[in-house]
Amino acid sequence: MEATAKDLRFYSKELLETVKRGEEITITYRGKPCAKLVKFEKPKQTNSGNELFGIWKDNDKVKNVENYVRNLRKGRF
């Protein structure tokens, strides 16, 4: 579905209800697409929040993320 910026301004409730039903809305400004409204989905929490990721996950020097970050920040505050 397409809607103009003016439609978004005046009919935001109706557009949000349309998005809740699962439809995507492209917002146009002066005839050109500039934004998309899609249904928000909460990200799934896969880790416990205490795990490293990326290049740090195989680093043997860092076992406890919270302590490591606290020690890094000690000098700054």
PDB file of N, CA and C in Angstrom:
ATOM      1  N   MET A   1       0.847  -1.171   0.000  1.00  0.00           N
ATOM      2  CA  MET A   1       0.000   0.000   0.000  1.00  0.00           C
ATOM      3  C   MET A   1       0.894   1.235   0.000  1.00  0.00           C
ATOM      4  N   GLU A   2       0.444   2.283  -0.624  1.00  0.00           N
ATOM      5  CA  GLU A   2       1.157   3.555  -0.627  1.00  0.00           C
ATOM      6  C   GLU A   2       0.311   4.616   0.057  1.00  0.00           C
ATOM      7  N   ALA A   3       1.001   5.499   0.767  1.00  0.00           N
ATOM      8  CA  ALA A   3       0.329   6.630   1.402  1.00  0.00           C
ATOM      9  C   ALA A   3       1.253   7.837   1.285  1.00  0.00           C
ATOM     10  N   THR A   4       0.669   9.001   1.235  1.00  0.00           N
ATOM     11  CA  THR A   4       1.468  10.211   1.139  1.00  0.00           C
ATOM     12  C   THR A   4       1.827  10.696   2.547  1.00  0.00           C
ATOM     13  N   ALA A   5       2.745  11.636   2.606  1.00  0.00           N
ATOM     14  CA  ALA A   5       3.117  12.217   3.893  1.00  0.00           C
ATOM     15  C   ALA A   5       1.909  12.910   4.525  1.00  0.00           C
ATOM     16  N   LYS A   6       1.059  13.480   3.694  1.00  0.00           N
ATOM     17  CA  LYS A   6      -0.162  14.116   4.197  1.00  0.00           C
ATOM     18  C   LYS A   6      -1.104  13.079   4.794  1.00  0.00           C
ATOM     19  N   ASP A   7      -1.218  11.914   4.142  1.00  0.00           N
ATOM     20  CA  ASP A   7      -2.037  10.828   4.685  1.00  0.00           C
ATOM     21  C   ASP A   7      -1.509  10.387   6.044  1.00  0.00           C
ATOM     22  N   LEU A   8      -0.209  10.300   6.152  1.00  0.00           N
ATOM     23  CA  LEU A   8       0.410   9.903   7.418  1.00  0.00           C
ATOM     24  C   LEU A   8       0.071  10.901   8.507  1.00  0.00           C
ATOM     25  N   ARG A   9       0.068  12.158   8.143  1.00  0.00           N
ATOM     26  CA  ARG A   9      -0.226  13.213   9.115  1.00  0.00           C
ATOM     27  C   ARG A   9      -1.678  13.172   9.586  1.00  0.00           C
ATOM     28  N   PHE A  10      -2.600  12.984   8.658  1.00  0.00           N
ATOM     29  CA  PHE A  10      -4.021  13.054   8.998  1.00  0.00           C
ATOM     30  C   PHE A  10      -4.658  11.712   9.344  1.00  0.00           C
ATOM     31  N   TYR A  11      -4.099  10.606   8.850  1.00  0.00           N
ATOM     32  CA  TYR A  11      -4.712   9.293   9.050  1.00  0.00           C
ATOM     33  C   TYR A  11      -3.736   8.307   9.693  1.00  0.00           C
ATOM     34  N   SER A  12      -2.930   8.794  10.619  1.00  0.00           N
ATOM     35  CA  SER A  12      -1.905   7.932  11.212  1.00  0.00           C
ATOM     36  C   SER A  12      -2.511   6.732  11.944  1.00  0.00           C
ATOM     37  N   LYS A  13      -3.624   6.918  12.637  1.00  0.00           N
ATOM     38  CA  LYS A  13      -4.242   5.815  13.361  1.00  0.00           C
ATOM     39  C   LYS A  13      -4.670   4.697  12.406  1.00  0.00           C
ATOM     40  N   GLU A  14      -5.301   5.067  11.309  1.00  0.00           N
ATOM     41  CA  GLU A  14      -5.753   4.073  10.342  1.00  0.00           C
ATOM     42  C   GLU A  14      -4.560   3.358   9.694  1.00  0.00           C
ATOM     43  N   LEU A  15      -3.502   4.114   9.412  1.00  0.00           N
ATOM     44  CA  LEU A  15      -2.316   3.500   8.811  1.00  0.00           C
ATOM     45  C   LEU A  15      -1.645   2.535   9.789  1.00  0.00           C
ATOM     46  N   LEU A  16      -1.596   2.908  11.055  1.00  0.00           N
ATOM     47  CA  LEU A  16      -1.013   2.008  12.054  1.00  0.00           C
ATOM     48  C   LEU A  16      -1.848   0.741  12.223  1.00  0.00           C
ATOM     49  N   GLU A  17      -3.147   0.860  12.150  1.00  0.00           N
ATOM     50  CA  GLU A  17      -4.004  -0.326  12.229  1.00  0.00           C
ATOM     51  C   GLU A  17      -3.764  -1.240  11.027  1.00  0.00           C
ATOM     52  N   THR A  18      -3.522  -0.646   9.868  1.00  0.00           N
ATOM     53  CA  THR A  18      -3.215  -1.428   8.674  1.00  0.00           C
ATOM     54  C   THR A  18      -1.902  -2.176   8.854  1.00  0.00           C
ATOM     55  N   VAL A  19      -0.927  -1.515   9.440  1.00  0.00           N
ATOM     56  CA  VAL A  19       0.369  -2.151   9.690  1.00  0.00           C
ATOM     57  C   VAL A  19       0.227  -3.279  10.702  1.00  0.00           C
ATOM     58  N   LYS A  20      -0.612  -3.096  11.721  1.00  0.00           N
ATOM     59  CA  LYS A  20      -0.842  -4.146  12.726  1.00  0.00           C
ATOM     60  C   LYS A  20      -1.382  -5.420  12.090  1.00  0.00           C
ATOM     61  N   ARG A  21      -2.148  -5.261  11.016  1.00  0.00           N
ATOM     62  CA  ARG A  21      -2.696  -6.425  10.319  1.00  0.00           C
ATOM     63  C   ARG A  21      -1.639  -7.133   9.487  1.00  0.00           C
ATOM     64  N   GLY A  22      -0.441  -6.544   9.379  1.00  0.00           N
ATOM     65  CA  GLY A  22       0.637  -7.202   8.665  1.00  0.00           C
ATOM     66  C   GLY A  22       0.973  -6.610   7.309  1.00  0.00           C
ATOM     67  N   GLU A  23       0.278  -5.569   6.921  1.00  0.00           N
ATOM     68  CA  GLU A  23       0.538  -4.960   5.620  1.00  0.00           C
ATOM     69  C   GLU A  23       1.664  -3.929   5.738  1.00  0.00           C
ATOM     70  N   GLU A  24       2.483  -3.820   4.706  1.00  0.00           N
ATOM     71  CA  GLU A  24       3.546  -2.818   4.671  1.00  0.00           C
ATOM     72  C   GLU A  24       3.032  -1.589   3.920  1.00  0.00           C
ATOM     73  N   ILE A  25       3.418  -0.412   4.404  1.00  0.00           N
ATOM     74  CA  ILE A  25       2.985   0.829   3.780  1.00  0.00           C
ATOM     75  C   ILE A  25       4.216   1.628   3.376  1.00  0.00           C
ATOM     76  N   THR A  26       4.250   2.063   2.125  1.00  0.00           N
ATOM     77  CA  THR A  26       5.319   2.925   1.634  1.00  0.00           C
ATOM     78  C   THR A  26       4.821   4.357   1.693  1.00  0.00           C
ATOM     79  N   ILE A  27       5.564   5.212   2.385  1.00  0.00           N
ATOM     80  CA  ILE A  27       5.208   6.612   2.507  1.00  0.00           C
ATOM     81  C   ILE A  27       5.929   7.385   1.402  1.00  0.00           C
ATOM     82  N   THR A  28       5.171   8.176   0.660  1.00  0.00           N
ATOM     83  CA  THR A  28       5.770   8.973  -0.402  1.00  0.00           C
ATOM     84  C   THR A  28       5.749  10.448  -0.016  1.00  0.00           C
ATOM     85  N   TYR A  29       6.775  11.155  -0.469  1.00  0.00           N
ATOM     86  CA  TYR A  29       6.849  12.594  -0.268  1.00  0.00           C
ATOM     87  C   TYR A  29       7.129  13.225  -1.623  1.00  0.00           C
ATOM     88  N   ARG A  30       6.207  14.045  -2.076  1.00  0.00           N
ATOM     89  CA  ARG A  30       6.280  14.659  -3.398  1.00  0.00           C
ATOM     90  C   ARG A  30       6.408  13.615  -4.503  1.00  0.00           C
ATOM     91  N   GLY A  31       5.683  12.513  -4.307  1.00  0.00           N
ATOM     92  CA  GLY A  31       5.619  11.475  -5.325  1.00  0.00           C
ATOM     93  C   GLY A  31       6.739  10.455  -5.307  1.00  0.00           C
ATOM     94  N   LYS A  32       7.714  10.633  -4.421  1.00  0.00           N
ATOM     95  CA  LYS A  32       8.837   9.697  -4.358  1.00  0.00           C
ATOM     96  C   LYS A  32       8.814   8.942  -3.032  1.00  0.00           C
ATOM     97  N   PRO A  33       9.055   7.627  -3.058  1.00  0.00           N
ATOM     98  CA  PRO A  33       9.078   6.857  -1.810  1.00  0.00           C
ATOM     99  C   PRO A  33      10.200   7.341  -0.893  1.00  0.00           C
ATOM    100  N   CYS A  34       9.879   7.522   0.395  1.00  0.00           N
ATOM    101  CA  CYS A  34      10.903   7.997   1.322  1.00  0.00           C
ATOM    102  C   CYS A  34      10.921   7.210   2.628  1.00  0.00           C
ATOM    103  N   ALA A  35       9.888   6.423   2.911  1.00  0.00           N
ATOM    104  CA  ALA A  35       9.866   5.651   4.158  1.00  0.00           C
ATOM    105  C   ALA A  35       8.946   4.454   3.989  1.00  0.00           C
ATOM    106  N   LYS A  36       9.109   3.499   4.907  1.00  0.00           N
ATOM    107  CA  LYS A  36       8.267   2.316   4.881  1.00  0.00           C
ATOM    108  C   LYS A  36       7.795   2.029   6.307  1.00  0.00           C
ATOM    109  N   LEU A  37       6.517   1.784   6.467  1.00  0.00           N
ATOM    110  CA  LEU A  37       5.962   1.376   7.757  1.00  0.00           C
ATOM    111  C   LEU A  37       5.789  -0.135   7.738  1.00  0.00           C
ATOM    112  N   VAL A  38       6.407  -0.796   8.704  1.00  0.00           N
ATOM    113  CA  VAL A  38       6.284  -2.243   8.827  1.00  0.00           C
ATOM    114  C   VAL A  38       5.983  -2.584  10.276  1.00  0.00           C
ATOM    115  N   LYS A  39       5.432  -3.750  10.497  1.00  0.00           N
ATOM    116  CA  LYS A  39       5.094  -4.196  11.841  1.00  0.00           C
ATOM    117  C   LYS A  39       6.367  -4.397  12.652  1.00  0.00           C
ATOM    118  N   PHE A  40       6.362  -3.915  13.886  1.00  0.00           N
ATOM    119  CA  PHE A  40       7.511  -4.041  14.769  1.00  0.00           C
ATOM    120  C   PHE A  40       7.501  -5.414  15.419  1.00  0.00           C
ATOM    121  N   GLU A  41       8.650  -6.066  15.386  1.00  0.00           N
ATOM    122  CA  GLU A  41       8.798  -7.355  16.046  1.00  0.00           C
ATOM    123  C   GLU A  41       9.939  -7.244  17.044  1.00  0.00           C
ATOM    124  N   LYS A  42       9.698  -7.662  18.269  1.00  0.00           N
ATOM    125  CA  LYS A  42      10.743  -7.612  19.280  1.00  0.00           C
ATOM    126  C   LYS A  42      11.850  -8.586  18.911  1.00  0.00           C
ATOM    127  N   PRO A  43      13.094  -8.155  19.074  1.00  0.00           N
ATOM    128  CA  PRO A  43      14.197  -9.079  18.797  1.00  0.00           C
ATOM    129  C   PRO A  43      14.218 -10.199  19.828  1.00  0.00           C
ATOM    130  N   LYS A  44      14.550 -11.382  19.360  1.00  0.00           N
ATOM    131  CA  LYS A  44      14.600 -12.528  20.260  1.00  0.00           C
ATOM    132  C   LYS A  44      15.889 -12.482  21.059  1.00  0.00           C
ATOM    133  N   GLN A  45      15.788 -12.654  22.353  1.00  0.00           N
ATOM    134  CA  GLN A  45      16.951 -12.640  23.244  1.00  0.00           C
ATOM    135  C   GLN A  45      17.592 -14.022  23.189  1.00  0.00           C
ATOM    136  N   THR A  46      18.716 -14.130  22.504  1.00  0.00           N
ATOM    137  CA  THR A  46      19.345 -15.432  22.346  1.00  0.00           C
ATOM    138  C   THR A  46      20.435 -15.689  23.371  1.00  0.00           C
ATOM    139  N   ASN A  47      21.109 -14.620  23.805  1.00  0.00           N
ATOM    140  CA  ASN A  47      22.173 -14.848  24.778  1.00  0.00           C
ATOM    141  C   ASN A  47      21.770 -14.297  26.139  1.00  0.00           C
ATOM    142  N   SER A  48      22.568 -14.612  27.139  1.00  0.00           N
ATOM    143  CA  SER A  48      22.237 -14.205  28.495  1.00  0.00           C
ATOM    144  C   SER A  48      22.655 -12.769  28.779  1.00  0.00           C
ATOM    145  N   GLY A  49      23.255 -12.091  27.820  1.00  0.00           N
ATOM    146  CA  GLY A  49      23.702 -10.735  28.023  1.00  0.00           C
ATOM    147  C   GLY A  49      25.090 -10.675  28.623  1.00  0.00           C
ATOM    148  N   ASN A  50      25.676 -11.823  28.928  1.00  0.00           N
ATOM    149  CA  ASN A  50      26.998 -11.866  29.519  1.00  0.00           C
ATOM    150  C   ASN A  50      27.973 -12.595  28.610  1.00  0.00           C
ATOM    151  N   GLU A  51      27.660 -12.649  27.348  1.00  0.00           N
ATOM    152  CA  GLU A  51      28.519 -13.339  26.403  1.00  0.00           C
ATOM    153  C   GLU A  51      29.117 -12.349  25.427  1.00  0.00           C
ATOM    154  N   LEU A  52      30.309 -12.620  25.019  1.00  0.00           N
ATOM    155  CA  LEU A  52      30.949 -11.785  24.017  1.00  0.00           C
ATOM    156  C   LEU A  52      30.568 -12.278  22.631  1.00  0.00           C
ATOM    157  N   PHE A  53      30.705 -11.436  21.656  1.00  0.00           N
ATOM    158  CA  PHE A  53      30.350 -11.816  20.302  1.00  0.00           C
ATOM    159  C   PHE A  53      31.392 -11.247  19.348  1.00  0.00           C
ATOM    160  N   GLY A  54      31.335 -11.691  18.126  1.00  0.00           N
ATOM    161  CA  GLY A  54      32.232 -11.174  17.113  1.00  0.00           C
ATOM    162  C   GLY A  54      33.676 -11.551  17.366  1.00  0.00           C
ATOM    163  N   ILE A  55      34.574 -10.587  17.254  1.00  0.00           N
ATOM    164  CA  ILE A  55      36.000 -10.873  17.389  1.00  0.00           C
ATOM    165  C   ILE A  55      36.397 -11.169  18.822  1.00  0.00           C
ATOM    166  N   TRP A  56      35.549 -10.847  19.792  1.00  0.00           N
ATOM    167  CA  TRP A  56      35.896 -11.057  21.201  1.00  0.00           C
ATOM    168  C   TRP A  56      35.525 -12.442  21.707  1.00  0.00           C
ATOM    169  N   LYS A  57      34.713 -13.188  21.013  1.00  0.00           N
ATOM    170  CA  LYS A  57      34.209 -14.447  21.567  1.00  0.00           C
ATOM    171  C   LYS A  57      35.299 -15.497  21.778  1.00  0.00           C
ATOM    172  N   ASP A  58      36.384 -15.446  21.019  1.00  0.00           N
ATOM    173  CA  ASP A  58      37.461 -16.421  21.173  1.00  0.00           C
ATOM    174  C   ASP A  58      38.649 -15.864  21.953  1.00  0.00           C
ATOM    175  N   ASN A  59      38.485 -14.714  22.592  1.00  0.00           N
ATOM    176  CA  ASN A  59      39.566 -14.081  23.344  1.00  0.00           C
ATOM    177  C   ASN A  59      39.666 -14.720  24.731  1.00  0.00           C
ATOM    178  N   ASP A  60      40.811 -15.330  25.036  1.00  0.00           N
ATOM    179  CA  ASP A  60      40.991 -16.008  26.325  1.00  0.00           C
ATOM    180  C   ASP A  60      41.192 -15.031  27.482  1.00  0.00           C
ATOM    181  N   LYS A  61      41.565 -13.792  27.200  1.00  0.00           N
ATOM    182  CA  LYS A  61      41.818 -12.815  28.260  1.00  0.00           C
ATOM    183  C   LYS A  61      40.527 -12.351  28.921  1.00  0.00           C
ATOM    184  N   VAL A  62      39.417 -12.481  28.217  1.00  0.00           N
ATOM    185  CA  VAL A  62      38.151 -11.978  28.723  1.00  0.00           C
ATOM    186  C   VAL A  62      37.224 -13.155  29.032  1.00  0.00           C
ATOM    187  N   LYS A  63      37.007 -13.394  30.306  1.00  0.00           N
ATOM    188  CA  LYS A  63      36.083 -14.466  30.702  1.00  0.00           C
ATOM    189  C   LYS A  63      34.735 -13.900  31.152  1.00  0.00           C
ATOM    190  N   ASN A  64      34.773 -12.812  31.923  1.00  0.00           N
ATOM    191  CA  ASN A  64      33.554 -12.183  32.426  1.00  0.00           C
ATOM    192  C   ASN A  64      33.430 -10.808  31.780  1.00  0.00           C
ATOM    193  N   VAL A  65      32.432 -10.629  30.968  1.00  0.00           N
ATOM    194  CA  VAL A  65      32.267  -9.409  30.195  1.00  0.00           C
ATOM    195  C   VAL A  65      32.057  -8.202  31.100  1.00  0.00           C
ATOM    196  N   GLU A  66      31.196  -8.319  32.091  1.00  0.00           N
ATOM    197  CA  GLU A  66      30.880  -7.186  32.960  1.00  0.00           C
ATOM    198  C   GLU A  66      32.117  -6.682  33.691  1.00  0.00           C
ATOM    199  N   ASN A  67      32.904  -7.584  34.247  1.00  0.00           N
ATOM    200  CA  ASN A  67      34.120  -7.169  34.948  1.00  0.00           C
ATOM    201  C   ASN A  67      35.125  -6.536  33.989  1.00  0.00           C
ATOM    202  N   TYR A  68      35.249  -7.093  32.831  1.00  0.00           N
ATOM    203  CA  TYR A  68      36.183  -6.563  31.836  1.00  0.00           C
ATOM    204  C   TYR A  68      35.814  -5.131  31.452  1.00  0.00           C
ATOM    205  N   VAL A  69      34.548  -4.888  31.191  1.00  0.00           N
ATOM    206  CA  VAL A  69      34.104  -3.553  30.797  1.00  0.00           C
ATOM    207  C   VAL A  69      34.253  -2.579  31.962  1.00  0.00           C
ATOM    208  N   ARG A  70      33.918  -3.013  33.173  1.00  0.00           N
ATOM    209  CA  ARG A  70      34.095  -2.142  34.346  1.00  0.00           C
ATOM    210  C   ARG A  70      35.546  -1.723  34.502  1.00  0.00           C
ATOM    211  N   ASN A  71      36.451  -2.659  34.321  1.00  0.00           N
ATOM    212  CA  ASN A  71      37.875  -2.350  34.442  1.00  0.00           C
ATOM    213  C   ASN A  71      38.335  -1.394  33.338  1.00  0.00           C
ATOM    214  N   LEU A  72      37.779  -1.527  32.163  1.00  0.00           N
ATOM    215  CA  LEU A  72      38.117  -0.601  31.084  1.00  0.00           C
ATOM    216  C   LEU A  72      37.663   0.812  31.408  1.00  0.00           C
ATOM    217  N   ARG A  73      36.499   0.939  32.007  1.00  0.00           N
ATOM    218  CA  ARG A  73      35.911   2.255  32.272  1.00  0.00           C
ATOM    219  C   ARG A  73      36.404   2.911  33.548  1.00  0.00           C
ATOM    220  N   LYS A  74      37.126   2.208  34.374  1.00  0.00           N
ATOM    221  CA  LYS A  74      37.570   2.767  35.649  1.00  0.00           C
ATOM    222  C   LYS A  74      38.316   4.079  35.461  1.00  0.00           C
ATOM    223  N   GLY A  75      39.187   4.154  34.507  1.00  0.00           N
ATOM    224  CA  GLY A  75      39.973   5.347  34.305  1.00  0.00           C
ATOM    225  C   GLY A  75      39.206   6.530  33.765  1.00  0.00           C
ATOM    226  N   ARG A  76      38.077   6.294  33.153  1.00  0.00           N
ATOM    227  CA  ARG A  76      37.320   7.377  32.519  1.00  0.00           C
ATOM    228  C   ARG A  76      36.435   8.139  33.492  1.00  0.00           C
ATOM    229  N   PHE A  77      35.938   7.504  34.502  1.00  0.00           N
ATOM    230  CA  PHE A  77      34.938   8.152  35.360  1.00  0.00           C
ATOM    231  C   PHE A  77      35.470   8.467  36.731  1.00  0.00           C
TER     232      PHE A  77
END
